[in-house]
Protein backbone atom coordinates (compact mmCIF):
# COMPACT_ATOMS: atom_id res chain seq x y z
CA MET A 1 -13.07 6.64 54.81
CA SER A 2 -10.57 7.14 57.60
CA SER A 3 -7.10 8.23 56.58
CA PRO A 4 -4.11 6.27 57.84
CA LYS A 5 -1.31 8.35 59.29
CA LEU A 6 1.81 9.16 57.35
CA PRO A 7 4.81 7.01 58.22
CA GLN A 8 6.92 10.01 59.12
CA THR A 9 7.96 11.88 62.20
CA VAL A 10 6.02 15.00 63.04
CA THR A 11 8.25 18.04 62.97
CA HIS A 12 7.64 21.13 65.03
CA THR A 13 5.90 22.67 62.04
CA SER A 14 3.74 19.68 61.11
CA ILE A 15 1.02 20.93 63.40
CA LEU A 16 -1.94 19.31 61.68
CA GLU A 17 -2.84 15.73 61.06
CA PRO A 18 -2.70 14.73 57.36
CA SER A 19 -6.48 14.96 57.00
CA ASP A 20 -6.36 18.59 58.17
CA LEU A 21 -4.07 19.80 55.40
CA THR A 22 -5.44 22.86 53.68
CA THR A 23 -4.41 25.57 51.28
CA ALA A 24 -5.12 27.76 48.32
CA SER A 25 -2.78 28.11 45.35
CA SER A 26 -0.14 30.76 44.85
CA SER A 27 2.75 31.43 42.53
CA SER A 28 6.19 32.86 42.16
CA SER A 29 9.24 32.73 39.99
CA SER A 30 12.44 30.97 40.81
CA PRO A 31 14.40 33.02 43.35
CA ASP A 32 17.71 31.86 41.95
CA SER A 33 17.10 32.69 38.30
CA THR A 34 18.72 35.66 36.71
CA SER A 35 16.44 38.40 35.43
CA ALA A 36 16.88 37.11 31.91
CA GLU A 37 16.04 33.57 32.94
CA GLN A 38 13.00 34.77 34.85
CA SER A 39 11.67 36.70 31.89
CA GLN A 40 12.29 33.74 29.62
CA SER A 41 10.36 31.34 31.83
CA GLN A 42 7.72 33.81 33.01
CA THR A 43 5.05 32.38 30.75
CA SER A 44 5.31 29.01 32.45
CA LEU A 45 4.83 30.38 35.96
CA SER A 46 1.29 30.83 37.18
CA SER A 47 0.18 34.03 38.80
CA ALA A 48 -2.42 34.49 41.50
CA GLU A 49 -4.39 37.53 42.59
CA GLU A 50 -4.30 38.53 46.24
CA ASP A 51 -7.11 36.86 48.17
CA THR A 52 -8.87 39.42 50.32
CA THR A 53 -11.62 37.08 51.47
CA GLU A 54 -12.29 37.40 55.18
CA ILE A 55 -12.01 34.02 56.87
CA GLU A 56 -12.98 32.71 60.24
CA PRO A 57 -9.90 31.86 62.36
CA LEU A 58 -9.32 28.33 63.54
CA ASP A 59 -9.87 27.50 67.18
CA LEU A 60 -6.45 28.11 68.73
CA GLN A 61 -7.29 25.89 71.67
CA THR A 62 -7.84 22.96 69.30
CA LEU A 63 -4.56 23.59 67.52
CA ASN A 64 -2.73 23.96 70.81
CA ALA A 65 -4.09 20.61 71.91
CA LYS A 66 -2.80 19.01 68.69
CA LEU A 67 0.63 20.47 69.20
CA THR A 68 0.75 19.35 72.80
CA SER A 69 -0.33 15.83 71.79
CA VAL A 70 2.78 15.46 69.59
CA GLY A 71 5.13 16.66 72.29
CA LYS A 72 5.34 20.38 71.53
CA SER A 73 5.86 22.78 74.39
CA THR A 74 2.88 24.89 75.40
CA SER A 75 4.99 27.99 74.89
CA THR A 76 5.51 27.33 71.19
CA ALA A 77 2.08 25.89 70.46
CA PRO A 78 0.21 29.23 70.43
CA ILE A 79 2.83 30.74 68.09
CA TYR A 80 2.44 28.09 65.40
CA ALA A 81 -1.29 27.87 65.91
CA GLN A 82 -1.62 31.61 65.41
CA GLN A 83 0.54 31.53 62.27
CA LEU A 84 -1.52 28.78 60.76
CA SER A 85 -4.86 30.26 61.75
CA GLN A 86 -4.06 33.26 59.57
CA ARG A 87 -3.96 30.97 56.54
CA ILE A 88 -6.54 28.30 57.30
CA SER A 89 -10.23 28.71 58.07
CA LYS A 90 -12.86 26.20 59.11
CA GLU A 91 -14.78 26.99 55.95
CA GLU A 92 -11.73 26.15 53.82
CA LEU A 93 -11.49 22.80 55.54
CA LYS A 94 -15.06 22.03 54.51
CA THR A 95 -15.06 23.25 50.95
CA SER A 96 -12.49 23.44 48.20
CA ASN A 97 -12.56 24.04 44.46
CA HIS A 98 -9.98 21.30 44.14
CA GLY A 99 -12.25 18.52 45.32
CA ILE A 100 -10.81 15.80 47.52
CA LEU A 101 -7.16 15.10 46.81
CA LEU A 102 -5.67 11.99 48.41
CA ASP A 103 -2.03 10.97 48.48
CA THR A 104 -0.97 7.34 48.21
CA TYR A 105 -1.62 6.70 51.91
CA GLY A 106 -5.10 8.18 51.72
CA ASN A 107 -4.26 11.42 53.52
CA GLU A 108 -5.99 14.55 52.26
CA PHE A 109 -3.75 16.98 50.40
CA ARG A 110 -4.17 20.69 49.91
CA ILE A 111 -2.24 22.67 47.34
CA PRO A 112 0.49 24.87 48.89
CA ASP A 113 -0.24 28.56 49.27
CA VAL A 114 3.19 29.97 50.14
CA SER A 115 5.26 32.38 48.07
CA VAL A 116 9.00 32.64 47.54
CA SER A 117 9.01 36.14 49.04
CA GLN A 118 7.57 34.72 52.27
CA ILE A 119 10.21 32.01 52.32
CA ARG A 120 13.13 34.37 51.67
CA ALA A 121 11.90 36.90 54.22
CA ALA A 122 11.89 34.25 56.95
CA ILE A 123 15.53 33.27 56.40
CA PRO A 124 18.17 35.16 58.43
CA LYS A 125 20.30 37.33 56.14
CA HIS A 126 23.57 35.74 57.20
CA CYS A 127 22.35 32.39 55.83
CA PHE A 128 22.73 33.80 52.30
CA VAL A 129 26.42 34.63 52.82
CA ARG A 130 28.74 32.44 50.73
CA SER A 131 32.33 32.09 51.88
CA ALA A 132 34.97 31.00 49.35
CA ARG A 133 37.45 30.30 52.14
CA ARG A 134 35.04 28.09 54.05
CA SER A 135 33.90 26.22 50.97
CA LEU A 136 37.45 25.62 49.77
CA GLY A 137 38.21 24.38 53.26
CA TYR A 138 35.63 21.65 52.85
CA VAL A 139 37.12 20.68 49.48
CA ALA A 140 40.55 20.44 51.09
CA ARG A 141 39.13 18.40 53.97
CA ASP A 142 37.50 15.87 51.65
CA LEU A 143 40.61 15.56 49.47
CA VAL A 144 42.77 14.96 52.55
CA GLN A 145 40.29 12.35 53.74
CA CYS A 146 40.46 10.58 50.39
CA THR A 147 44.26 10.48 50.55
CA PHE A 148 44.35 9.43 54.20
CA ASN A 149 41.79 6.68 53.65
CA TRP A 150 43.86 5.22 50.79
CA CYS A 151 47.12 5.38 52.71
CA LEU A 152 45.53 3.86 55.81
CA PHE A 153 44.20 0.80 54.02
CA ARG A 154 47.00 0.47 51.47
CA TYR A 155 50.01 0.84 53.74
CA VAL A 156 48.77 0.19 57.29
CA LEU A 157 45.77 -2.13 57.53
CA THR A 158 45.89 -4.57 54.61
CA PRO A 159 49.62 -5.40 54.98
CA ARG A 160 48.86 -6.63 58.51
CA VAL A 161 46.53 -9.43 57.36
CA GLU A 162 47.57 -12.54 55.54
CA SER A 163 44.29 -14.21 54.55
CA ILE A 164 42.66 -13.28 51.25
CA ALA A 165 39.25 -13.14 52.93
CA ALA A 166 40.39 -10.61 55.53
CA SER A 167 42.16 -8.52 52.91
CA THR A 168 39.09 -8.56 50.67
CA LEU A 169 36.89 -7.47 53.57
CA LEU A 170 39.20 -4.58 54.42
CA TRP A 171 39.30 -3.38 50.82
CA ALA A 172 35.51 -3.64 50.62
CA ILE A 173 35.25 -1.41 53.70
CA PHE A 174 37.69 0.99 52.07
CA THR A 175 35.54 1.33 48.94
CA VAL A 176 32.44 2.09 51.02
CA ILE A 177 34.19 4.82 53.01
CA GLN A 178 35.87 6.20 49.90
CA GLY A 179 32.48 6.26 48.21
CA PHE A 180 31.09 8.38 51.07
CA ILE A 181 33.98 10.84 50.83
CA MET A 182 33.81 11.09 47.04
CA THR A 183 30.05 11.65 47.23
CA GLY A 184 30.84 14.61 49.48
CA LEU A 185 33.11 16.01 46.77
CA TRP A 186 30.27 15.49 44.29
CA VAL A 187 27.99 17.52 46.57
CA LEU A 188 30.52 20.34 46.77
CA ALA A 189 30.62 20.46 42.96
CA HIS A 190 26.82 20.55 43.11
CA GLU A 191 27.15 23.63 45.33
CA CYS A 192 29.32 25.17 42.63
CA GLY A 193 26.69 24.50 39.99
CA HIS A 194 24.14 26.43 42.03
CA GLN A 195 26.60 29.29 42.73
CA ALA A 196 26.28 28.47 46.44
CA PHE A 197 30.01 27.76 46.76
CA SER A 198 31.20 31.36 46.76
CA GLU A 199 30.38 34.85 45.51
CA SER A 200 32.61 34.31 42.46
CA LYS A 201 31.03 32.61 39.46
CA ALA A 202 34.48 32.02 37.96
CA LEU A 203 35.69 30.24 41.10
CA ASN A 204 32.47 28.25 41.37
CA ASP A 205 32.63 26.98 37.81
CA THR A 206 36.36 26.27 37.97
CA VAL A 207 36.10 24.17 41.15
CA GLY A 208 32.89 22.50 39.97
CA PHE A 209 34.39 21.66 36.58
CA ILE A 210 37.49 20.08 38.11
CA LEU A 211 35.67 18.08 40.78
CA HIS A 212 32.84 16.84 38.58
CA SER A 213 35.14 15.99 35.68
CA ALA A 214 37.29 13.94 38.07
CA LEU A 215 34.14 12.09 39.17
CA GLY A 216 33.02 11.35 35.61
CA VAL A 217 30.35 14.06 35.45
CA PRO A 218 29.99 16.47 32.49
CA TYR A 219 29.87 19.53 34.73
CA PHE A 220 28.38 22.22 32.51
CA ALA A 221 25.98 19.82 30.80
CA TRP A 222 24.74 18.62 34.18
CA LYS A 223 24.60 22.19 35.50
CA ILE A 224 22.30 23.22 32.67
CA SER A 225 19.93 20.26 32.91
CA HIS A 226 19.91 20.42 36.71
CA GLY A 227 19.02 24.09 36.57
CA LYS A 228 16.06 23.23 34.36
CA HIS A 229 15.05 20.57 36.89
CA HIS A 230 14.91 23.24 39.59
CA LYS A 231 12.80 25.49 37.36
CA ALA A 232 10.29 22.72 36.66
CA THR A 233 10.36 20.45 39.71
CA ALA A 234 7.37 18.06 39.79
CA HIS A 235 6.15 19.33 36.39
CA ILE A 236 4.97 16.18 34.63
CA GLU A 237 6.02 17.45 31.18
CA ARG A 238 9.10 19.58 31.88
CA ASP A 239 10.99 18.16 34.85
CA GLN A 240 14.43 16.82 33.98
CA VAL A 241 14.72 13.93 36.43
CA PHE A 242 12.57 11.21 38.02
CA VAL A 243 9.49 12.08 36.02
CA PRO A 244 7.02 9.37 37.03
CA SER A 245 5.18 7.16 34.56
CA SER A 246 1.62 8.00 33.64
CA ARG A 247 -0.99 5.33 34.11
CA GLU A 248 -1.09 4.77 30.36
CA LYS A 249 2.69 4.38 30.08
CA TYR A 250 2.84 2.02 33.04
CA ALA A 251 0.07 -0.18 31.66
CA SER A 252 1.66 -0.25 28.20
CA LYS A 253 4.80 -1.86 29.65
CA PHE A 254 2.67 -4.94 30.32
CA GLY A 255 0.73 -4.80 27.07
CA LYS A 256 -2.35 -3.45 28.83
CA MET A 257 -4.61 -0.45 28.37
CA MET A 258 -5.26 2.18 31.03
CA HIS A 259 -8.50 0.64 32.28
CA GLU A 260 -6.84 -2.75 32.64
CA VAL A 261 -4.16 -1.62 35.10
CA THR A 262 -6.28 -2.76 38.06
CA GLU A 263 -6.22 -6.27 36.62
CA LEU A 264 -2.43 -6.52 36.73
CA ALA A 265 -1.01 -9.00 39.19
CA GLU A 266 0.99 -7.68 42.11
CA ASP A 267 4.67 -7.20 41.36
CA ALA A 268 6.71 -9.93 42.99
CA PRO A 269 9.20 -8.52 45.51
CA ILE A 270 12.02 -10.07 43.49
CA VAL A 271 10.95 -7.99 40.49
CA THR A 272 11.12 -4.82 42.58
CA ALA A 273 14.49 -5.86 43.99
CA LEU A 274 15.98 -6.52 40.56
CA ALA A 275 14.68 -3.20 39.25
CA LEU A 276 16.27 -1.39 42.19
CA ILE A 277 19.61 -3.14 41.68
CA GLY A 278 19.63 -2.08 38.04
CA GLN A 279 18.64 1.46 38.97
CA GLN A 280 21.39 1.78 41.56
CA LEU A 281 24.12 0.28 39.39
CA MET A 282 23.37 2.00 36.08
CA GLY A 283 20.73 4.65 36.76
CA TRP A 284 23.10 7.62 36.76
CA ASN A 285 24.97 6.51 33.65
CA LEU A 286 21.70 5.83 31.81
CA TYR A 287 20.46 9.27 32.77
CA LEU A 288 23.55 10.89 31.27
CA THR A 289 23.56 8.78 28.11
CA THR A 290 19.83 8.29 27.38
CA ASN A 291 18.01 10.83 29.60
CA THR A 292 16.16 8.02 31.35
CA THR A 293 13.73 9.36 34.01
CA GLY A 294 13.86 12.78 32.32
CA HIS A 295 10.87 14.20 30.42
CA ASN A 296 10.37 13.01 26.85
CA HIS A 297 8.65 16.08 25.38
CA HIS A 298 11.49 17.41 23.27
CA GLN A 299 9.51 18.59 20.26
CA LYS A 300 9.12 22.01 21.91
CA ALA A 301 12.86 22.56 22.30
CA ALA A 302 14.24 25.83 20.93
CA ASP A 303 15.46 26.06 17.33
CA GLY A 304 13.82 22.76 16.45
CA ARG A 305 16.59 20.89 18.28
CA GLY A 306 14.17 18.28 19.59
CA VAL A 307 12.40 17.35 16.37
CA GLY A 308 12.54 13.61 15.87
CA LYS A 309 14.51 13.06 19.08
CA LYS A 310 13.50 10.98 22.07
CA ASN A 311 14.92 9.43 25.20
CA GLY A 312 16.74 6.11 24.86
CA PHE A 313 19.79 4.73 23.13
CA GLY A 314 20.34 6.44 19.80
CA GLY A 315 17.49 8.88 20.44
CA GLY A 316 19.70 11.95 20.33
CA VAL A 317 18.94 13.04 23.92
CA ASN A 318 21.96 12.88 26.23
CA HIS A 319 24.41 15.02 28.21
CA PHE A 320 27.35 14.74 25.79
CA ASP A 321 25.97 15.90 22.43
CA PRO A 322 26.02 19.70 21.94
CA ASP A 323 22.96 19.30 19.70
CA SER A 324 20.91 17.48 22.35
CA PRO A 325 17.51 19.15 22.97
CA ILE A 326 18.41 19.40 26.64
CA PHE A 327 20.60 22.39 25.72
CA ASP A 328 20.34 25.59 23.70
CA GLN A 329 22.60 26.66 20.88
CA LYS A 330 24.35 29.14 23.19
CA ASP A 331 25.41 26.22 25.41
CA ARG A 332 27.31 24.42 22.68
CA HIS A 333 30.82 25.44 23.77
CA LEU A 334 30.06 24.48 27.38
CA ILE A 335 29.00 20.98 26.40
CA ILE A 336 32.18 20.53 24.38
CA LEU A 337 34.21 21.76 27.36
CA SER A 338 32.43 19.24 29.60
CA ASP A 339 33.32 16.47 27.16
CA ILE A 340 36.96 17.57 27.15
CA GLY A 341 36.98 17.37 30.93
CA LEU A 342 35.71 13.80 30.83
CA LEU A 343 38.21 12.76 28.17
CA THR A 344 41.00 14.21 30.30
CA THR A 345 39.83 12.16 33.27
CA VAL A 346 39.73 8.99 31.16
CA ALA A 347 43.28 9.69 29.96
CA VAL A 348 44.56 10.22 33.51
CA LEU A 349 42.86 7.06 34.75
CA THR A 350 44.34 5.09 31.86
CA LEU A 351 47.83 6.28 32.77
CA ILE A 352 47.24 5.36 36.42
CA GLY A 353 46.13 1.88 35.40
CA MET A 354 49.18 1.42 33.18
CA LYS A 355 51.61 2.64 35.83
CA PHE A 356 50.14 1.17 39.03
CA GLY A 357 48.09 -1.73 37.74
CA ALA A 358 44.46 -2.71 37.38
CA PHE A 359 44.02 -3.44 41.10
CA VAL A 360 44.91 0.09 42.16
CA LEU A 361 42.65 1.58 39.49
CA THR A 362 39.72 -0.71 40.26
CA VAL A 363 39.80 -0.54 44.04
CA GLY A 364 41.02 3.03 44.28
CA TYR A 365 38.65 4.61 41.77
CA ILE A 366 36.24 2.41 39.80
CA ILE A 367 34.44 0.71 42.69
CA PRO A 368 34.17 3.93 44.75
CA TYR A 369 32.91 5.61 41.56
CA PHE A 370 30.01 3.18 41.44
CA TRP A 371 29.35 3.79 45.13
CA VAL A 372 29.10 7.51 44.36
CA ASN A 373 26.64 6.80 41.56
CA ASN A 374 24.64 4.57 43.89
CA TRP A 375 24.32 7.26 46.55
CA LEU A 376 23.59 9.96 44.00
CA VAL A 377 20.64 7.98 42.61
CA TRP A 378 19.52 6.89 46.08
CA ILE A 379 19.49 10.44 47.39
CA THR A 380 17.82 12.12 44.41
CA TYR A 381 15.25 9.34 43.96
CA LEU A 382 14.10 9.66 47.56
CA GLN A 383 14.13 13.45 47.42
CA HIS A 384 11.48 13.38 44.71
CA THR A 385 9.74 10.02 45.05
CA ASP A 386 7.52 9.45 48.07
CA PRO A 387 3.89 8.35 48.60
CA THR A 388 3.10 11.77 50.08
CA LEU A 389 4.46 13.88 47.20
CA PRO A 390 2.38 15.28 44.34
CA HIS A 391 3.21 16.02 40.73
CA TYR A 392 1.44 18.60 38.60
CA ASP A 393 0.30 18.92 35.02
CA ALA A 394 1.06 22.03 32.98
CA SER A 395 -2.19 23.78 33.92
CA THR A 396 -1.70 23.41 37.68
CA TRP A 397 2.05 23.65 38.22
CA ASN A 398 3.91 26.70 39.42
CA PHE A 399 7.35 27.17 40.96
CA THR A 400 6.37 27.16 44.63
CA ARG A 401 4.15 24.12 44.23
CA GLY A 402 7.00 22.25 42.60
CA ALA A 403 9.51 23.36 45.23
CA ALA A 404 7.23 22.12 47.98
CA ALA A 405 6.86 18.75 46.22
CA THR A 406 10.15 17.57 47.73
CA ILE A 407 10.97 15.89 51.03
CA ASP A 408 13.69 16.03 53.67
CA ARG A 409 15.09 12.81 55.11
CA GLU A 410 17.77 11.84 57.60
CA PHE A 411 20.94 9.89 56.84
CA GLY A 412 22.59 10.41 60.20
CA PHE A 413 26.34 10.96 60.46
CA VAL A 414 26.94 9.83 56.88
CA GLY A 415 24.50 12.37 55.47
CA ARG A 416 25.48 15.30 57.64
CA TYR A 417 29.25 14.83 57.72
CA PHE A 418 30.31 13.05 54.54
CA MET A 419 27.50 14.27 52.26
CA HIS A 420 27.25 17.82 53.62
CA GLY A 421 23.57 17.65 54.56
CA ILE A 422 22.22 17.19 51.04
CA VAL A 423 19.72 14.61 52.31
CA GLU A 424 18.44 16.61 55.25
CA THR A 425 17.76 20.09 53.78
CA HIS A 426 16.43 19.46 50.30
CA VAL A 427 13.12 21.32 50.69
CA LEU A 428 14.95 24.55 51.45
CA HIS A 429 17.33 23.87 48.55
CA HIS A 430 14.45 23.89 46.07
CA PHE A 431 13.13 27.20 47.32
CA VAL A 432 16.52 28.95 47.55
CA SER A 433 19.35 26.94 46.01
CA THR A 434 22.08 29.57 46.47
CA ILE A 435 22.24 29.14 50.24
CA PRO A 436 25.46 27.24 51.10
CA PHE A 437 25.03 23.86 52.75
CA TYR A 438 26.67 24.96 56.02
CA ASN A 439 23.85 27.48 56.53
CA ALA A 440 21.08 25.19 55.28
CA ASP A 441 20.06 23.71 58.65
CA GLU A 442 19.40 27.12 60.18
CA ALA A 443 17.60 28.32 57.06
CA SER A 444 15.49 25.15 56.96
CA GLU A 445 14.32 25.70 60.52
CA ALA A 446 13.45 29.27 59.64
CA ILE A 447 11.14 28.35 56.76
CA LYS A 448 9.31 25.48 58.47
CA PRO A 449 6.79 27.77 60.26
CA ILE A 450 6.05 29.45 56.91
CA LEU A 451 5.50 26.17 55.09
CA GLY A 452 3.54 24.74 58.00
CA CYS A 453 1.67 21.63 56.93
CA HIS A 454 3.18 21.91 53.44
CA TYR A 455 6.62 20.98 54.74
CA ARG A 456 7.39 17.32 54.10
CA SER A 457 9.93 15.24 56.00
CA ASN A 458 10.41 11.57 56.79
CA THR A 459 13.10 11.17 59.43
CA LYS A 460 11.65 8.14 61.16
CA GLY A 461 14.34 5.56 61.84
CA GLY A 462 17.21 7.91 61.01
CA ALA A 463 19.79 6.42 58.66
CA ILE A 464 18.14 2.99 58.70
CA GLY A 465 14.81 4.60 57.85
CA PHE A 466 16.46 6.40 54.95
CA LEU A 467 17.69 3.09 53.56
CA ARG A 468 14.30 1.40 54.08
CA ALA A 469 12.50 4.25 52.35
CA MET A 470 13.94 3.13 49.02
CA TRP A 471 11.98 -0.13 49.20
CA THR A 472 8.80 1.62 50.36
CA SER A 473 8.87 4.12 47.51
CA ALA A 474 9.72 1.46 44.93
CA ARG A 475 6.73 -0.66 46.00
CA LEU A 476 4.18 2.13 46.40
CA CYS A 477 5.17 4.64 43.71
CA CYS A 478 4.48 2.96 40.35
CA TRP A 479 2.66 5.65 38.35
CA VAL A 480 0.76 8.91 38.92
CA GLU A 481 -2.87 9.83 38.26
CA PRO A 482 -5.45 12.33 39.57
CA SER A 483 -7.38 11.53 42.73
CA GLU A 484 -10.81 10.04 42.17
CA GLY A 485 -12.49 12.93 44.01
CA ALA A 486 -10.50 15.69 42.28
CA GLU A 487 -12.40 18.62 40.79
CA GLY A 488 -11.39 21.61 38.69
CA GLU A 489 -7.75 22.49 39.19
CA GLY A 490 -7.38 19.46 41.45
CA LYS A 491 -7.47 17.20 38.39
CA GLY A 492 -4.04 18.51 37.56
CA VAL A 493 -2.59 17.27 40.86
CA LEU A 494 -1.24 13.76 40.41
CA PHE A 495 -0.37 11.22 43.09
CA TYR A 496 1.38 7.88 43.04
CA ARG A 497 -0.67 4.71 42.77
CA ASN A 498 0.35 1.06 42.45
CA ASN A 499 -0.92 -2.38 41.54
CA ASN A 500 0.59 -3.97 44.64
CA LYS A 501 -2.68 -3.71 46.56
CA LYS A 502 -1.10 -1.14 48.86
CA CYS A 503 -2.89 1.94 50.23
CA ILE A 504 -5.27 3.85 47.93
CA PRO A 505 -6.40 1.72 44.95
CA PRO A 506 -6.19 3.11 41.41
CA VAL A 507 -9.25 4.79 39.95
CA LYS A 508 -11.42 2.28 38.11
CA LEU A 509 -11.88 3.26 34.49
CA ASP A 510 -14.39 1.98 31.99
CA ALA A 511 -13.15 0.31 28.84
CA PRO A 512 -13.21 2.62 25.81
CA ALA A 513 -16.30 2.32 23.67
CA LYS A 514 -15.86 0.14 20.62
CA VAL A 515 -15.97 1.99 17.35
CA PRO A 516 -18.50 0.32 15.01
CA CYS A 517 -17.15 -0.96 11.72
């Protein structure tokens, strides 16, 4: 069966066609964990012995031709070809103990074989430098922009129009722009949570707490759960966000069994559209209050905190309860502090509404707040949901595999200026999350030759392509299951499938045998 090409631009490191992807597995621990955190999570990280097998190099002339065919200069082609030939052999392309793994588009997938030490060694040392002055400068810039944007529309533009329609249009434009700027402030608080803002943990947490609290985010609660997401990215049982449905769970939503999923009718586009609208409007709030899209295996939480608790309303799993299984007992005071921050914000907003009126509160804060939530969900959903990305079960996952199961996209000026590049450098961020965003582009370019064909990006169409990708992922990424040709460890590598008759069909399963009475 021929494999259709990925709908993504080929970067200077994507030197093989999808069907040529190859690898062996490797492991590492999170580079951003403290020594205590690493020792605590060591049992969940796989280890691999050094492979000393002698392999036959790939034909450099063939690889050079491939690079040249996608517009790479002949001067750089031999460099990348030589790097890759050290890791890939012809024999590996023919045989694998993983069987045949196919992503949603039908392209062959090979499990990544890079290590964190390789990634870190490739990054220039100055990229790790965190400047408090520079980071605070960006905070000041965004706050000034927020103030200027309000004054411009409030006191200059809207007073010049008389019609309600024109005034409404101007205020709508204001909320969009304000949403972009406030999302940038959210990203800067995100930098604080990863200690990428400065060298000072106290400064990082102070700035992050203030900014996130002002944006309706429980800073320390989010910081803890987000850290766990980074330590278990793409782990089907431990990841904290956008954990995909299993085939069984997806079928159960329609009252079907696993083997009956192929009989389901195609989702009507209107159904997909309505689901996306709900996700964008309320997805972030539902995540905070019910842990929706987070894992639902809380029975293993420390100190029995997860016994009898589950995701959903009233299930006891949320970002506000100090006893939630998302957190440990030692985190209790931080969760309470996060709640105090939110209550303070609510009190301030109430006073603003009482003093300046509902219009000022609604247009100046509430609508932009929902724009921020929209972009937050849009960005994170597309960072971790794509037809080319795998997920792993507990027996196959390790840190580097999870970190590589992310994708870079392109949101143009909006992404790079307002949102500080969070869309464009996410792969790097999952390998080394303490690198500040203003050094992330250079660091990303540095690691691409190391990742080689394991680096994922979809920059086709720029900002418009980024917006369109939401629809593509929603239609194609319905649940995950192993590839039909998977063997051994490959059975623990899960890819998206769908009942919309798009791309690779789901594996056909036999009905369970009837138990005699």
